[in-house]
Amino acid sequence: MYFLWYLLIGLAAGWIANLIVKGGGSGLVINLIVGIIGGLLGGWLVSLFGWIPTSTAGTLLTSVIGAVVLLLIVSLFTRRKPVKTV
């Protein structure tokens, strides 16, 4: 049961982070992957500061922080080239 709950939190975190960084959605699967990886990254980052999230809101906030950091890192390496118009 907890696995399903973590998937839902990861999906929500990926969607929120995608809205913060890009301003649009990328799809269900991409948001889920970004949210889950972001949750791991966010958990590691906030543990460096001595904070351990204990509630659902804390877990969601941690996942969103990690997902935003992940999307910012990915955007550094995958810059889109401007489209030339004639």
PDB file of N, CA and C in Angstrom:
ATOM      1  N   MET A   1       0.816  -1.196   0.000  1.00  0.00           N
ATOM      2  CA  MET A   1       0.000   0.000   0.000  1.00  0.00           C
ATOM      3  C   MET A   1       0.864   1.266   0.000  1.00  0.00           C
ATOM      4  N   TYR A   2       1.969   1.213   0.746  1.00  0.00           N
ATOM      5  CA  TYR A   2       2.843   2.377   0.783  1.00  0.00           C
ATOM      6  C   TYR A   2       3.476   2.653  -0.576  1.00  0.00           C
ATOM      7  N   PHE A   3       3.727   1.612  -1.346  1.00  0.00           N
ATOM      8  CA  PHE A   3       4.316   1.786  -2.671  1.00  0.00           C
ATOM      9  C   PHE A   3       3.409   2.633  -3.550  1.00  0.00           C
ATOM     10  N   LEU A   4       2.112   2.374  -3.510  1.00  0.00           N
ATOM     11  CA  LEU A   4       1.146   3.163  -4.291  1.00  0.00           C
ATOM     12  C   LEU A   4       1.129   4.606  -3.815  1.00  0.00           C
ATOM     13  N   TRP A   5       1.218   4.799  -2.503  1.00  0.00           N
ATOM     14  CA  TRP A   5       1.228   6.150  -1.949  1.00  0.00           C
ATOM     15  C   TRP A   5       2.469   6.918  -2.421  1.00  0.00           C
ATOM     16  N   TYR A   6       3.625   6.245  -2.434  1.00  0.00           N
ATOM     17  CA  TYR A   6       4.853   6.892  -2.908  1.00  0.00           C
ATOM     18  C   TYR A   6       4.772   7.223  -4.398  1.00  0.00           C
ATOM     19  N   LEU A   7       4.135   6.381  -5.178  1.00  0.00           N
ATOM     20  CA  LEU A   7       3.943   6.677  -6.599  1.00  0.00           C
ATOM     21  C   LEU A   7       3.059   7.907  -6.788  1.00  0.00           C
ATOM     22  N   LEU A   8       1.998   8.015  -6.006  1.00  0.00           N
ATOM     23  CA  LEU A   8       1.119   9.181  -6.110  1.00  0.00           C
ATOM     24  C   LEU A   8       1.829  10.460  -5.681  1.00  0.00           C
ATOM     25  N   ILE A   9       2.620  10.383  -4.624  1.00  0.00           N
ATOM     26  CA  ILE A   9       3.391  11.555  -4.192  1.00  0.00           C
ATOM     27  C   ILE A   9       4.431  11.912  -5.250  1.00  0.00           C
ATOM     28  N   GLY A  10       5.083  10.915  -5.839  1.00  0.00           N
ATOM     29  CA  GLY A  10       6.056  11.165  -6.899  1.00  0.00           C
ATOM     30  C   GLY A  10       5.419  11.791  -8.120  1.00  0.00           C
ATOM     31  N   LEU A  11       4.230  11.324  -8.479  1.00  0.00           N
ATOM     32  CA  LEU A  11       3.518  11.889  -9.624  1.00  0.00           C
ATOM     33  C   LEU A  11       3.156  13.346  -9.369  1.00  0.00           C
ATOM     34  N   ALA A  12       2.642  13.634  -8.184  1.00  0.00           N
ATOM     35  CA  ALA A  12       2.280  15.011  -7.838  1.00  0.00           C
ATOM     36  C   ALA A  12       3.518  15.902  -7.788  1.00  0.00           C
ATOM     37  N   ALA A  13       4.599  15.402  -7.209  1.00  0.00           N
ATOM     38  CA  ALA A  13       5.832  16.194  -7.112  1.00  0.00           C
ATOM     39  C   ALA A  13       6.416  16.475  -8.487  1.00  0.00           C
ATOM     40  N   GLY A  14       6.409  15.485  -9.365  1.00  0.00           N
ATOM     41  CA  GLY A  14       6.908  15.701 -10.719  1.00  0.00           C
ATOM     42  C   GLY A  14       6.084  16.704 -11.490  1.00  0.00           C
ATOM     43  N   TRP A  15       4.765  16.655 -11.308  1.00  0.00           N
ATOM     44  CA  TRP A  15       3.876  17.599 -12.003  1.00  0.00           C
ATOM     45  C   TRP A  15       4.089  19.019 -11.484  1.00  0.00           C
ATOM     46  N   ILE A  16       4.181  19.172 -10.155  1.00  0.00           N
ATOM     47  CA  ILE A  16       4.390  20.502  -9.575  1.00  0.00           C
ATOM     48  C   ILE A  16       5.744  21.060  -9.989  1.00  0.00           C
ATOM     49  N   ALA A  17       6.781  20.242  -9.945  1.00  0.00           N
ATOM     50  CA  ALA A  17       8.123  20.697 -10.341  1.00  0.00           C
ATOM     51  C   ALA A  17       8.150  21.072 -11.808  1.00  0.00           C
ATOM     52  N   ASN A  18       7.444  20.320 -12.634  1.00  0.00           N
ATOM     53  CA  ASN A  18       7.386  20.626 -14.057  1.00  0.00           C
ATOM     54  C   ASN A  18       6.705  21.965 -14.292  1.00  0.00           C
ATOM     55  N   LEU A  19       5.677  22.271 -13.530  1.00  0.00           N
ATOM     56  CA  LEU A  19       5.014  23.571 -13.644  1.00  0.00           C
ATOM     57  C   LEU A  19       5.924  24.703 -13.187  1.00  0.00           C
ATOM     58  N   ILE A  20       6.708  24.454 -12.139  1.00  0.00           N
ATOM     59  CA  ILE A  20       7.605  25.486 -11.618  1.00  0.00           C
ATOM     60  C   ILE A  20       8.735  25.783 -12.604  1.00  0.00           C
ATOM     61  N   VAL A  21       9.341  24.742 -13.159  1.00  0.00           N
ATOM     62  CA  VAL A  21      10.528  24.930 -13.997  1.00  0.00           C
ATOM     63  C   VAL A  21      10.162  25.278 -15.430  1.00  0.00           C
ATOM     64  N   LYS A  22       9.260  24.546 -16.041  1.00  0.00           N
ATOM     65  CA  LYS A  22       8.967  24.735 -17.460  1.00  0.00           C
ATOM     66  C   LYS A  22       7.703  25.528 -17.719  1.00  0.00           C
ATOM     67  N   GLY A  23       6.737  25.420 -16.852  1.00  0.00           N
ATOM     68  CA  GLY A  23       5.473  26.090 -17.077  1.00  0.00           C
ATOM     69  C   GLY A  23       4.467  25.243 -17.830  1.00  0.00           C
ATOM     70  N   GLY A  24       4.743  23.985 -18.072  1.00  0.00           N
ATOM     71  CA  GLY A  24       3.822  23.091 -18.774  1.00  0.00           C
ATOM     72  C   GLY A  24       4.072  21.657 -18.373  1.00  0.00           C
ATOM     73  N   GLY A  25       3.179  20.774 -18.747  1.00  0.00           N
ATOM     74  CA  GLY A  25       3.314  19.374 -18.392  1.00  0.00           C
ATOM     75  C   GLY A  25       4.101  18.596 -19.418  1.00  0.00           C
ATOM     76  N   SER A  26       4.700  17.485 -18.985  1.00  0.00           N
ATOM     77  CA  SER A  26       5.471  16.646 -19.893  1.00  0.00           C
ATOM     78  C   SER A  26       4.850  15.284 -20.085  1.00  0.00           C
ATOM     79  N   GLY A  27       3.796  14.993 -19.401  1.00  0.00           N
ATOM     80  CA  GLY A  27       3.164  13.692 -19.520  1.00  0.00           C
ATOM     81  C   GLY A  27       3.243  12.916 -18.223  1.00  0.00           C
ATOM     82  N   LEU A  28       2.379  11.946 -18.099  1.00  0.00           N
ATOM     83  CA  LEU A  28       2.234  11.184 -16.864  1.00  0.00           C
ATOM     84  C   LEU A  28       3.493  10.403 -16.503  1.00  0.00           C
ATOM     85  N   VAL A  29       4.060   9.698 -17.449  1.00  0.00           N
ATOM     86  CA  VAL A  29       5.216   8.847 -17.161  1.00  0.00           C
ATOM     87  C   VAL A  29       6.447   9.687 -16.815  1.00  0.00           C
ATOM     88  N   ILE A  30       6.692  10.745 -17.567  1.00  0.00           N
ATOM     89  CA  ILE A  30       7.851  11.604 -17.297  1.00  0.00           C
ATOM     90  C   ILE A  30       7.707  12.272 -15.936  1.00  0.00           C
ATOM     91  N   ASN A  31       6.501  12.770 -15.611  1.00  0.00           N
ATOM     92  CA  ASN A  31       6.283  13.381 -14.306  1.00  0.00           C
ATOM     93  C   ASN A  31       6.508  12.380 -13.179  1.00  0.00           C
ATOM     94  N   LEU A  32       6.083  11.142 -13.383  1.00  0.00           N
ATOM     95  CA  LEU A  32       6.272  10.111 -12.370  1.00  0.00           C
ATOM     96  C   LEU A  32       7.751   9.816 -12.160  1.00  0.00           C
ATOM     97  N   ILE A  33       8.495   9.676 -13.234  1.00  0.00           N
ATOM     98  CA  ILE A  33       9.929   9.399 -13.134  1.00  0.00           C
ATOM     99  C   ILE A  33      10.658  10.566 -12.472  1.00  0.00           C
ATOM    100  N   VAL A  34      10.345  11.783 -12.896  1.00  0.00           N
ATOM    101  CA  VAL A  34      10.985  12.966 -12.309  1.00  0.00           C
ATOM    102  C   VAL A  34      10.639  13.074 -10.831  1.00  0.00           C
ATOM    103  N   GLY A  35       9.398  12.793 -10.468  1.00  0.00           N
ATOM    104  CA  GLY A  35       8.991  12.868  -9.073  1.00  0.00           C
ATOM    105  C   GLY A  35       9.670  11.833  -8.196  1.00  0.00           C
ATOM    106  N   ILE A  36       9.814  10.610  -8.700  1.00  0.00           N
ATOM    107  CA  ILE A  36      10.446   9.557  -7.902  1.00  0.00           C
ATOM    108  C   ILE A  36      11.942   9.824  -7.734  1.00  0.00           C
ATOM    109  N   ILE A  37      12.614  10.157  -8.817  1.00  0.00           N
ATOM    110  CA  ILE A  37      14.041  10.484  -8.720  1.00  0.00           C
ATOM    111  C   ILE A  37      14.222  11.753  -7.891  1.00  0.00           C
ATOM    112  N   GLY A  38      13.319  12.711  -8.073  1.00  0.00           N
ATOM    113  CA  GLY A  38      13.379  13.935  -7.281  1.00  0.00           C
ATOM    114  C   GLY A  38      13.166  13.679  -5.803  1.00  0.00           C
ATOM    115  N   GLY A  39      12.330  12.703  -5.474  1.00  0.00           N
ATOM    116  CA  GLY A  39      12.139  12.354  -4.073  1.00  0.00           C
ATOM    117  C   GLY A  39      13.416  11.808  -3.447  1.00  0.00           C
ATOM    118  N   LEU A  40      14.114  10.973  -4.191  1.00  0.00           N
ATOM    119  CA  LEU A  40      15.392  10.454  -3.690  1.00  0.00           C
ATOM    120  C   LEU A  40      16.422  11.570  -3.547  1.00  0.00           C
ATOM    121  N   LEU A  41      16.515  12.407  -4.579  1.00  0.00           N
ATOM    122  CA  LEU A  41      17.464  13.522  -4.552  1.00  0.00           C
ATOM    123  C   LEU A  41      17.103  14.520  -3.453  1.00  0.00           C
ATOM    124  N   GLY A  42      15.824  14.836  -3.335  1.00  0.00           N
ATOM    125  CA  GLY A  42      15.380  15.775  -2.307  1.00  0.00           C
ATOM    126  C   GLY A  42      15.605  15.240  -0.906  1.00  0.00           C
ATOM    127  N   GLY A  43      15.362  13.938  -0.708  1.00  0.00           N
ATOM    128  CA  GLY A  43      15.616  13.342   0.597  1.00  0.00           C
ATOM    129  C   GLY A  43      17.075  13.421   0.982  1.00  0.00           C
ATOM    130  N   TRP A  44      17.941  13.210   0.006  1.00  0.00           N
ATOM    131  CA  TRP A  44      19.367  13.309   0.273  1.00  0.00           C
ATOM    132  C   TRP A  44      19.761  14.756   0.567  1.00  0.00           C
ATOM    133  N   LEU A  45      19.235  15.706  -0.220  1.00  0.00           N
ATOM    134  CA  LEU A  45      19.599  17.118  -0.043  1.00  0.00           C
ATOM    135  C   LEU A  45      19.140  17.653   1.311  1.00  0.00           C
ATOM    136  N   VAL A  46      17.888  17.373   1.697  1.00  0.00           N
ATOM    137  CA  VAL A  46      17.415  17.923   2.971  1.00  0.00           C
ATOM    138  C   VAL A  46      18.046  17.219   4.159  1.00  0.00           C
ATOM    139  N   SER A  47      18.500  15.970   3.977  1.00  0.00           N
ATOM    140  CA  SER A  47      19.186  15.298   5.087  1.00  0.00           C
ATOM    141  C   SER A  47      20.553  15.926   5.354  1.00  0.00           C
ATOM    142  N   LEU A  48      21.125  16.560   4.337  1.00  0.00           N
ATOM    143  CA  LEU A  48      22.385  17.277   4.543  1.00  0.00           C
ATOM    144  C   LEU A  48      22.217  18.449   5.503  1.00  0.00           C
ATOM    145  N   PHE A  49      21.000  19.002   5.544  1.00  0.00           N
ATOM    146  CA  PHE A  49      20.698  20.115   6.444  1.00  0.00           C
ATOM    147  C   PHE A  49      20.109  19.645   7.768  1.00  0.00           C
ATOM    148  N   GLY A  50      19.983  18.328   7.940  1.00  0.00           N
ATOM    149  CA  GLY A  50      19.484  17.792   9.198  1.00  0.00           C
ATOM    150  C   GLY A  50      17.976  17.739   9.304  1.00  0.00           C
ATOM    151  N   TRP A  51      17.266  17.925   8.217  1.00  0.00           N
ATOM    152  CA  TRP A  51      15.805  17.903   8.245  1.00  0.00           C
ATOM    153  C   TRP A  51      15.325  16.549   7.751  1.00  0.00           C
ATOM    154  N   ILE A  52      14.423  15.927   8.495  1.00  0.00           N
ATOM    155  CA  ILE A  52      13.851  14.649   8.091  1.00  0.00           C
ATOM    156  C   ILE A  52      12.339  14.835   8.007  1.00  0.00           C
ATOM    157  N   PRO A  53      11.770  14.768   6.799  1.00  0.00           N
ATOM    158  CA  PRO A  53      10.323  14.964   6.662  1.00  0.00           C
ATOM    159  C   PRO A  53       9.563  13.785   7.282  1.00  0.00           C
ATOM    160  N   THR A  54       8.532  14.107   8.066  1.00  0.00           N
ATOM    161  CA  THR A  54       7.772  13.059   8.732  1.00  0.00           C
ATOM    162  C   THR A  54       6.322  13.000   8.299  1.00  0.00           C
ATOM    163  N   SER A  55       5.808  14.026   7.677  1.00  0.00           N
ATOM    164  CA  SER A  55       4.402  14.036   7.274  1.00  0.00           C
ATOM    165  C   SER A  55       4.296  13.917   5.759  1.00  0.00           C
ATOM    166  N   THR A  56       3.082  13.781   5.291  1.00  0.00           N
ATOM    167  CA  THR A  56       2.850  13.711   3.854  1.00  0.00           C
ATOM    168  C   THR A  56       3.241  15.027   3.185  1.00  0.00           C
ATOM    169  N   ALA A  57       2.913  16.140   3.829  1.00  0.00           N
ATOM    170  CA  ALA A  57       3.266  17.444   3.262  1.00  0.00           C
ATOM    171  C   ALA A  57       4.787  17.617   3.204  1.00  0.00           C
ATOM    172  N   GLY A  58       5.485  17.154   4.233  1.00  0.00           N
ATOM    173  CA  GLY A  58       6.943  17.237   4.232  1.00  0.00           C
ATOM    174  C   GLY A  58       7.569  16.371   3.162  1.00  0.00           C
ATOM    175  N   THR A  59       6.991  15.186   2.962  1.00  0.00           N
ATOM    176  CA  THR A  59       7.486  14.296   1.922  1.00  0.00           C
ATOM    177  C   THR A  59       7.242  14.895   0.541  1.00  0.00           C
ATOM    178  N   LEU A  60       6.070  15.477   0.331  1.00  0.00           N
ATOM    179  CA  LEU A  60       5.759  16.110  -0.947  1.00  0.00           C
ATOM    180  C   LEU A  60       6.679  17.298  -1.197  1.00  0.00           C
ATOM    181  N   LEU A  61       6.905  18.115  -0.171  1.00  0.00           N
ATOM    182  CA  LEU A  61       7.795  19.270  -0.312  1.00  0.00           C
ATOM    183  C   LEU A  61       9.216  18.830  -0.631  1.00  0.00           C
ATOM    184  N   THR A  62       9.686  17.792   0.040  1.00  0.00           N
ATOM    185  CA  THR A  62      11.017  17.254  -0.228  1.00  0.00           C
ATOM    186  C   THR A  62      11.124  16.744  -1.657  1.00  0.00           C
ATOM    187  N   SER A  63      10.108  16.044  -2.113  1.00  0.00           N
ATOM    188  CA  SER A  63      10.109  15.516  -3.480  1.00  0.00           C
ATOM    189  C   SER A  63      10.074  16.640  -4.507  1.00  0.00           C
ATOM    190  N   VAL A  64       9.304  17.684  -4.242  1.00  0.00           N
ATOM    191  CA  VAL A  64       9.239  18.816  -5.170  1.00  0.00           C
ATOM    192  C   VAL A  64      10.588  19.526  -5.234  1.00  0.00           C
ATOM    193  N   ILE A  65      11.229  19.719  -4.080  1.00  0.00           N
ATOM    194  CA  ILE A  65      12.550  20.358  -4.065  1.00  0.00           C
ATOM    195  C   ILE A  65      13.539  19.542  -4.897  1.00  0.00           C
ATOM    196  N   GLY A  66      13.560  18.243  -4.685  1.00  0.00           N
ATOM    197  CA  GLY A  66      14.471  17.388  -5.439  1.00  0.00           C
ATOM    198  C   GLY A  66      14.152  17.355  -6.918  1.00  0.00           C
ATOM    199  N   ALA A  67      12.862  17.344  -7.264  1.00  0.00           N
ATOM    200  CA  ALA A  67      12.470  17.313  -8.672  1.00  0.00           C
ATOM    201  C   ALA A  67      12.819  18.619  -9.376  1.00  0.00           C
ATOM    202  N   VAL A  68      12.661  19.744  -8.691  1.00  0.00           N
ATOM    203  CA  VAL A  68      13.042  21.031  -9.284  1.00  0.00           C
ATOM    204  C   VAL A  68      14.549  21.070  -9.521  1.00  0.00           C
ATOM    205  N   VAL A  69      15.328  20.625  -8.538  1.00  0.00           N
ATOM    206  CA  VAL A  69      16.787  20.584  -8.704  1.00  0.00           C
ATOM    207  C   VAL A  69      17.151  19.672  -9.862  1.00  0.00           C
ATOM    208  N   LEU A  70      16.500  18.519  -9.948  1.00  0.00           N
ATOM    209  CA  LEU A  70      16.766  17.582 -11.043  1.00  0.00           C
ATOM    210  C   LEU A  70      16.448  18.212 -12.397  1.00  0.00           C
ATOM    211  N   LEU A  71      15.315  18.888 -12.513  1.00  0.00           N
ATOM    212  CA  LEU A  71      14.950  19.511 -13.788  1.00  0.00           C
ATOM    213  C   LEU A  71      15.896  20.648 -14.144  1.00  0.00           C
ATOM    214  N   LEU A  72      16.367  21.387 -13.149  1.00  0.00           N
ATOM    215  CA  LEU A  72      17.329  22.459 -13.432  1.00  0.00           C
ATOM    216  C   LEU A  72      18.662  21.892 -13.904  1.00  0.00           C
ATOM    217  N   ILE A  73      19.101  20.786 -13.307  1.00  0.00           N
ATOM    218  CA  ILE A  73      20.342  20.150 -13.744  1.00  0.00           C
ATOM    219  C   ILE A  73      20.194  19.620 -15.166  1.00  0.00           C
ATOM    220  N   VAL A  74      19.069  18.973 -15.449  1.00  0.00           N
ATOM    221  CA  VAL A  74      18.838  18.434 -16.795  1.00  0.00           C
ATOM    222  C   VAL A  74      18.764  19.566 -17.822  1.00  0.00           C
ATOM    223  N   SER A  75      18.176  20.698 -17.454  1.00  0.00           N
ATOM    224  CA  SER A  75      18.057  21.807 -18.402  1.00  0.00           C
ATOM    225  C   SER A  75      19.412  22.425 -18.735  1.00  0.00           C
ATOM    226  N   LEU A  76      20.392  22.271 -17.854  1.00  0.00           N
ATOM    227  CA  LEU A  76      21.735  22.771 -18.164  1.00  0.00           C
ATOM    228  C   LEU A  76      22.372  22.009 -19.318  1.00  0.00           C
ATOM    229  N   PHE A  77      22.034  20.727 -19.441  1.00  0.00           N
ATOM    230  CA  PHE A  77      22.645  19.887 -20.465  1.00  0.00           C
ATOM    231  C   PHE A  77      21.799  19.747 -21.719  1.00  0.00           C
ATOM    232  N   THR A  78      20.541  20.111 -21.669  1.00  0.00           N
ATOM    233  CA  THR A  78      19.656  19.928 -22.827  1.00  0.00           C
ATOM    234  C   THR A  78      18.991  21.243 -23.203  1.00  0.00           C
ATOM    235  N   ARG A  79      19.779  22.180 -23.586  1.00  0.00           N
ATOM    236  CA  ARG A  79      19.245  23.468 -24.047  1.00  0.00           C
ATOM    237  C   ARG A  79      18.664  23.303 -25.443  1.00  0.00           C
ATOM    238  N   ARG A  80      17.506  23.859 -25.638  1.00  0.00           N
ATOM    239  CA  ARG A  80      16.890  23.801 -26.988  1.00  0.00           C
ATOM    240  C   ARG A  80      17.424  24.956 -27.815  1.00  0.00           C
ATOM    241  N   LYS A  81      17.694  24.670 -29.077  1.00  0.00           N
ATOM    242  CA  LYS A  81      18.164  25.708 -29.972  1.00  0.00           C
ATOM    243  C   LYS A  81      16.953  26.486 -30.483  1.00  0.00           C
ATOM    244  N   PRO A  82      17.091  27.799 -30.645  1.00  0.00           N
ATOM    245  CA  PRO A  82      15.971  28.582 -31.154  1.00  0.00           C
ATOM    246  C   PRO A  82      15.633  28.192 -32.592  1.00  0.00           C
ATOM    247  N   VAL A  83      14.352  28.218 -32.891  1.00  0.00           N
ATOM    248  CA  VAL A  83      13.879  27.873 -34.235  1.00  0.00           C
ATOM    249  C   VAL A  83      14.052  29.087 -35.120  1.00  0.00           C
ATOM    250  N   LYS A  84      14.687  28.879 -36.274  1.00  0.00           N
ATOM    251  CA  LYS A  84      14.885  29.984 -37.213  1.00  0.00           C
ATOM    252  C   LYS A  84      13.654  30.102 -38.103  1.00  0.00           C
ATOM    253  N   THR A  85      13.148  31.313 -38.206  1.00  0.00           N
ATOM    254  CA  THR A  85      12.002  31.560 -39.083  1.00  0.00           C
ATOM    255  C   THR A  85      12.468  32.290 -40.333  1.00  0.00           C
ATOM    256  N   VAL A  86      11.818  32.000 -41.411  1.00  0.00           N
ATOM    257  CA  VAL A  86      12.191  32.590 -42.698  1.00  0.00           C
ATOM    258  C   VAL A  86      11.355  33.800 -42.971  1.00  0.00           C
TER     259      VAL A  86
END
